[in-house]
Amino acid sequence: MFSDIDNNNNWLHQVGEVCITTLELLEEKADNVGYVSHADETMKELCIGYLYLLGLCDSQGLLLDKKLPDAVKKNITIH
């Protein structure tokens, strides 16, 4: 589903997989129960939004591993 998955961003894609599974379960629940609760609709919208943004970031290359020069400190906060 996603291209060039970076290990640092792997958890983002794992959350995406959880969203896909959640959407499948919500669809099955709606078919069995015959209606969709407000909470289920909210979860559905959240999952769809997350997957959309994840796909958009991936397609724009924002999730690719970009190597920083060794001179750049990675864990600093700039105020």
C-alpha atoms as a PDB file:
ATOM      1  CA  MET A   1       0.000   0.000   0.000  1.00  0.00           C
ATOM      2  CA  PHE A   2       2.810   2.435   0.816  1.00  0.00           C
ATOM      3  CA  SER A   3       6.115   2.897  -0.970  1.00  0.00           C
ATOM      4  CA  ASP A   4       9.616   2.907   0.507  1.00  0.00           C
ATOM      5  CA  ILE A   5       8.596   2.403   4.136  1.00  0.00           C
ATOM      6  CA  ASP A   6      11.292   3.737   6.450  1.00  0.00           C
ATOM      7  CA  ASN A   7      11.917   1.860   9.697  1.00  0.00           C
ATOM      8  CA  ASN A   8      11.589   5.118  11.637  1.00  0.00           C
ATOM      9  CA  ASN A   9       8.104   5.582  10.186  1.00  0.00           C
ATOM     10  CA  ASN A  10       7.080   1.937  10.398  1.00  0.00           C
ATOM     11  CA  TRP A  11       4.852   2.621  13.404  1.00  0.00           C
ATOM     12  CA  LEU A  12       2.865   5.095  11.298  1.00  0.00           C
ATOM     13  CA  HIS A  13       2.087   2.316   8.837  1.00  0.00           C
ATOM     14  CA  GLN A  14       1.275  -0.087  11.660  1.00  0.00           C
ATOM     15  CA  VAL A  15      -1.334   2.405  12.883  1.00  0.00           C
ATOM     16  CA  GLY A  16      -2.605   2.488   9.299  1.00  0.00           C
ATOM     17  CA  GLU A  17      -3.026  -1.280   9.382  1.00  0.00           C
ATOM     18  CA  VAL A  18      -4.987  -0.956  12.637  1.00  0.00           C
ATOM     19  CA  CYS A  19      -7.199   1.633  10.934  1.00  0.00           C
ATOM     20  CA  ILE A  20      -7.873  -0.722   8.015  1.00  0.00           C
ATOM     21  CA  THR A  21      -8.803  -3.540  10.392  1.00  0.00           C
ATOM     22  CA  THR A  22     -10.994  -1.174  12.425  1.00  0.00           C
ATOM     23  CA  LEU A  23     -12.840  -0.062   9.286  1.00  0.00           C
ATOM     24  CA  GLU A  24     -13.457  -3.684   8.323  1.00  0.00           C
ATOM     25  CA  LEU A  25     -14.811  -4.466  11.789  1.00  0.00           C
ATOM     26  CA  LEU A  26     -17.039  -1.387  11.785  1.00  0.00           C
ATOM     27  CA  GLU A  27     -18.426  -2.354   8.370  1.00  0.00           C
ATOM     28  CA  GLU A  28     -19.150  -5.877   9.600  1.00  0.00           C
ATOM     29  CA  LYS A  29     -20.792  -4.504  12.748  1.00  0.00           C
ATOM     30  CA  ALA A  30     -22.984  -2.136  10.723  1.00  0.00           C
ATOM     31  CA  ASP A  31     -24.081  -5.032   8.484  1.00  0.00           C
ATOM     32  CA  ASN A  32     -24.929  -7.204  11.494  1.00  0.00           C
ATOM     33  CA  VAL A  33     -26.626  -4.572  13.647  1.00  0.00           C
ATOM     34  CA  GLY A  34     -28.300  -2.618  10.871  1.00  0.00           C
ATOM     35  CA  TYR A  35     -27.280   0.862  11.994  1.00  0.00           C
ATOM     36  CA  VAL A  36     -24.162   2.895  12.739  1.00  0.00           C
ATOM     37  CA  SER A  37     -23.766   4.563  16.121  1.00  0.00           C
ATOM     38  CA  HIS A  38     -22.350   8.049  16.499  1.00  0.00           C
ATOM     39  CA  ALA A  39     -19.213   6.631  18.141  1.00  0.00           C
ATOM     40  CA  ASP A  40     -18.715   4.177  15.273  1.00  0.00           C
ATOM     41  CA  GLU A  41     -19.200   6.925  12.688  1.00  0.00           C
ATOM     42  CA  THR A  42     -16.653   9.096  14.511  1.00  0.00           C
ATOM     43  CA  MET A  43     -14.130   6.233  14.583  1.00  0.00           C
ATOM     44  CA  LYS A  44     -14.752   5.562  10.901  1.00  0.00           C
ATOM     45  CA  GLU A  45     -14.088   9.198   9.999  1.00  0.00           C
ATOM     46  CA  LEU A  46     -10.948   9.252  12.159  1.00  0.00           C
ATOM     47  CA  CYS A  47      -9.563   6.114  10.502  1.00  0.00           C
ATOM     48  CA  ILE A  48     -10.357   7.336   6.994  1.00  0.00           C
ATOM     49  CA  GLY A  49      -8.762  10.701   7.751  1.00  0.00           C
ATOM     50  CA  TYR A  50      -5.626   9.069   9.138  1.00  0.00           C
ATOM     51  CA  LEU A  51      -5.283   6.795   6.112  1.00  0.00           C
ATOM     52  CA  TYR A  52      -5.818   9.728   3.757  1.00  0.00           C
ATOM     53  CA  LEU A  53      -3.135  11.831   5.453  1.00  0.00           C
ATOM     54  CA  LEU A  54      -0.730   8.890   5.684  1.00  0.00           C
ATOM     55  CA  GLY A  55      -1.159   8.208   1.977  1.00  0.00           C
ATOM     56  CA  LEU A  56      -0.752  11.885   1.142  1.00  0.00           C
ATOM     57  CA  CYS A  57       2.450  12.178   3.196  1.00  0.00           C
ATOM     58  CA  ASP A  58       3.792   9.004   1.634  1.00  0.00           C
ATOM     59  CA  SER A  59       2.991  10.131  -1.913  1.00  0.00           C
ATOM     60  CA  GLN A  60       4.749  13.447  -1.318  1.00  0.00           C
ATOM     61  CA  GLY A  61       7.866  11.710  -0.026  1.00  0.00           C
ATOM     62  CA  LEU A  62       7.511  13.060   3.493  1.00  0.00           C
ATOM     63  CA  LEU A  63       8.008   9.634   5.053  1.00  0.00           C
ATOM     64  CA  LEU A  64      11.211   8.729   3.241  1.00  0.00           C
ATOM     65  CA  ASP A  65      14.356   8.358   5.302  1.00  0.00           C
ATOM     66  CA  LYS A  66      16.361  11.516   4.828  1.00  0.00           C
ATOM     67  CA  LYS A  67      19.854  11.143   6.171  1.00  0.00           C
ATOM     68  CA  LEU A  68      21.054  14.098   8.197  1.00  0.00           C
ATOM     69  CA  PRO A  69      24.732  14.933   8.198  1.00  0.00           C
ATOM     70  CA  ASP A  70      26.541  13.653  11.300  1.00  0.00           C
ATOM     71  CA  ALA A  71      27.214  17.271  12.297  1.00  0.00           C
ATOM     72  CA  VAL A  72      23.487  17.857  12.789  1.00  0.00           C
ATOM     73  CA  LYS A  73      22.229  16.860  16.215  1.00  0.00           C
ATOM     74  CA  LYS A  74      18.942  15.017  15.852  1.00  0.00           C
ATOM     75  CA  ASN A  75      17.489  15.295  19.359  1.00  0.00           C
ATOM     76  CA  ILE A  76      17.621  19.005  20.082  1.00  0.00           C
ATOM     77  CA  THR A  77      14.902  21.529  20.770  1.00  0.00           C
ATOM     78  CA  ILE A  78      15.174  24.980  19.265  1.00  0.00           C
ATOM     79  CA  HIS A  79      13.368  27.745  21.098  1.00  0.00           C
END
